[in-house]
Structures are given as C-alpha cells and as structure tokens.
Amino acid sequence: MPVAFDSKVHGICINPIMRSKDINLSDFRLLEDSVQVDLLYEKGCYLGKRRADECIILLYQLDSFYAEIYYRRYRRIIQQILCFQSTQFLDPYLQQMDVHELVDCSS
C-alpha cells in the first residue's frame, strides 16, 4: 500500500533500533516504511537510481543488505520498499555504470 511521505518530518528518528550501529535485514523489515526510509537516508549508502513503469527507484546499501525505495512521485509517495541480499538484483544498476575510467585495460 502506498505511503505518503512528509518531507518536513524526514530525518527525525526516535526509534531505539535506529540508534544501534548495525541492523540486520529481518529487523529492518519489521520497521514502518517511514522509519526504513529515514534509516536508509541517514545510515545507508546511496548506490543508484532507475526508472521502472511509473516509479523512480532508489537503491541503498545498509550493512549487509540492499534496499530499493519505489516512489510513485519522486521522494513524495512511497509505493514499496524491497530488500534483498543477493547481488543478482543489482544488474539493472550495473548496466548504467560506465567503469572504463576505473579499469585500466591496457595492462
């Protein structure tokens, strides 16, 4: 179910689980969507963005897992949050990256 996201409240954290250094995937999934988003924005590592259908999808890494935030309206209405640990789901993002500058193929 879509969740409206109030950007004025974003960033305020009073959930005690968010004070810990690490969070595992099981505990993360138990949190409300708005708390998950706050945690991803504050503690996660932003990895990329893509489009699918009518959604903008942001990818984050948090500790040992990845999370995709599906927005119906960019950073306004959350459609869903998908979490995973397998790197096979990173393919849509890897196809967007140009690694030629990072890899020296002349050696």
Protein backbone atom coordinates (compact mmCIF):
# COMPACT_ATOMS: atom_id res chain seq x y z
CA MET A 1 0.00 0.00 0.00
CA PRO A 2 1.42 3.43 -0.92
CA VAL A 3 2.64 5.57 1.95
CA ALA A 4 2.58 9.35 1.84
CA PHE A 5 5.95 10.73 2.88
CA ASP A 6 6.10 14.07 4.64
CA SER A 7 9.48 15.63 3.90
CA LYS A 8 9.10 18.02 6.86
CA VAL A 9 9.26 15.06 9.25
CA HIS A 10 12.02 13.27 7.36
CA GLY A 11 15.19 12.75 9.30
CA ILE A 12 13.62 12.74 12.77
CA CYS A 13 14.35 9.47 14.50
CA ILE A 14 13.04 8.37 17.84
CA ASN A 15 13.08 4.62 17.22
CA PRO A 16 15.63 2.94 19.56
CA ILE A 17 16.61 0.31 16.99
CA MET A 18 17.98 3.08 14.78
CA ARG A 19 20.49 4.07 17.46
CA SER A 20 22.36 0.78 17.08
CA LYS A 21 25.40 0.56 14.81
CA ASP A 22 24.21 -2.34 12.67
CA ILE A 23 20.79 -3.61 11.73
CA ASN A 24 20.03 -6.92 10.10
CA LEU A 25 17.58 -7.49 7.28
CA SER A 26 14.98 -9.20 9.48
CA ASP A 27 14.86 -6.31 11.97
CA PHE A 28 14.80 -3.75 9.16
CA ARG A 29 11.75 -5.40 7.59
CA LEU A 30 9.86 -5.06 10.88
CA LEU A 31 10.16 -1.26 10.83
CA GLU A 32 7.48 1.02 9.37
CA ASP A 33 8.19 2.34 5.86
CA SER A 34 8.82 5.89 7.07
CA VAL A 35 11.36 4.65 9.63
CA GLN A 36 13.04 2.46 7.00
CA VAL A 37 13.40 5.47 4.70
CA ASP A 38 14.85 7.61 7.49
CA LEU A 39 17.36 4.89 8.30
CA LEU A 40 18.35 4.46 4.66
CA TYR A 41 18.82 8.21 4.18
CA GLU A 42 20.84 8.65 7.37
CA LYS A 43 22.88 5.43 7.58
CA GLY A 44 22.66 3.84 4.13
CA CYS A 45 24.94 4.27 1.17
CA TYR A 46 23.16 5.58 -1.93
CA LEU A 47 24.14 3.42 -4.92
CA GLY A 48 21.91 4.42 -7.80
CA LYS A 49 18.60 5.35 -9.34
CA ARG A 50 16.48 3.84 -12.10
CA ARG A 51 13.01 4.01 -13.60
CA ALA A 52 10.53 1.16 -13.91
CA ASP A 53 6.98 1.68 -15.15
CA GLU A 54 5.78 4.82 -13.37
CA CYS A 55 8.21 4.57 -10.45
CA ILE A 56 11.55 6.11 -9.60
CA ILE A 57 13.59 3.55 -7.69
CA LEU A 58 16.48 4.48 -5.40
CA LEU A 59 18.99 1.82 -4.35
CA TYR A 60 20.77 1.89 -1.00
CA GLN A 61 23.12 -0.46 0.80
CA LEU A 62 22.76 -0.72 4.55
CA ASP A 63 25.12 -3.02 6.39
CA SER A 64 24.75 -6.49 4.82
CA PHE A 65 21.74 -5.87 2.56
CA TYR A 66 20.33 -3.67 -0.18
CA ALA A 67 17.04 -1.78 -0.26
CA GLU A 68 15.13 -0.28 -3.14
CA ILE A 69 12.67 2.52 -2.44
CA TYR A 70 9.96 2.70 -5.11
CA TYR A 71 8.50 6.19 -5.39
CA ARG A 72 5.34 6.99 -7.35
CA ARG A 73 6.17 10.67 -7.05
CA TYR A 74 9.87 11.30 -6.63
CA ARG A 75 10.64 11.42 -2.90
CA ARG A 76 6.97 12.04 -2.09
CA ILE A 77 4.86 8.89 -2.24
CA ILE A 78 6.41 5.52 -1.45
CA GLN A 79 4.94 2.66 -3.44
CA GLN A 80 7.03 -0.03 -1.75
CA ILE A 81 10.41 -0.88 -0.27
CA LEU A 82 12.11 -4.07 -1.42
CA CYS A 83 15.06 -5.51 0.49
CA PHE A 84 17.49 -8.20 -0.61
CA GLN A 85 20.95 -9.58 0.00
CA SER A 86 21.67 -11.18 -3.37
CA THR A 87 23.81 -9.19 -5.78
CA GLN A 88 21.87 -10.60 -8.75
CA PHE A 89 19.26 -7.87 -8.24
CA LEU A 90 21.90 -5.19 -8.83
CA ASP A 91 22.08 -5.89 -12.58
CA PRO A 92 19.77 -3.02 -13.65
CA TYR A 93 22.09 -0.59 -11.86
CA LEU A 94 25.34 -2.13 -13.09
CA GLN A 95 24.20 -1.73 -16.69
CA GLN A 96 24.01 2.04 -16.11
CA MET A 97 27.56 2.38 -14.84
CA ASP A 98 30.50 3.32 -17.03
CA VAL A 99 33.55 1.68 -15.49
CA HIS A 100 36.01 2.39 -18.31
CA GLU A 101 37.71 5.11 -16.27
CA LEU A 102 38.01 2.77 -13.28
CA VAL A 103 39.53 -0.13 -15.19
CA ASP A 104 42.85 0.14 -16.98
CA CYS A 105 42.57 -2.42 -19.79
CA SER A 106 45.96 -1.57 -21.28
CA SER A 107 47.90 -3.76 -18.83
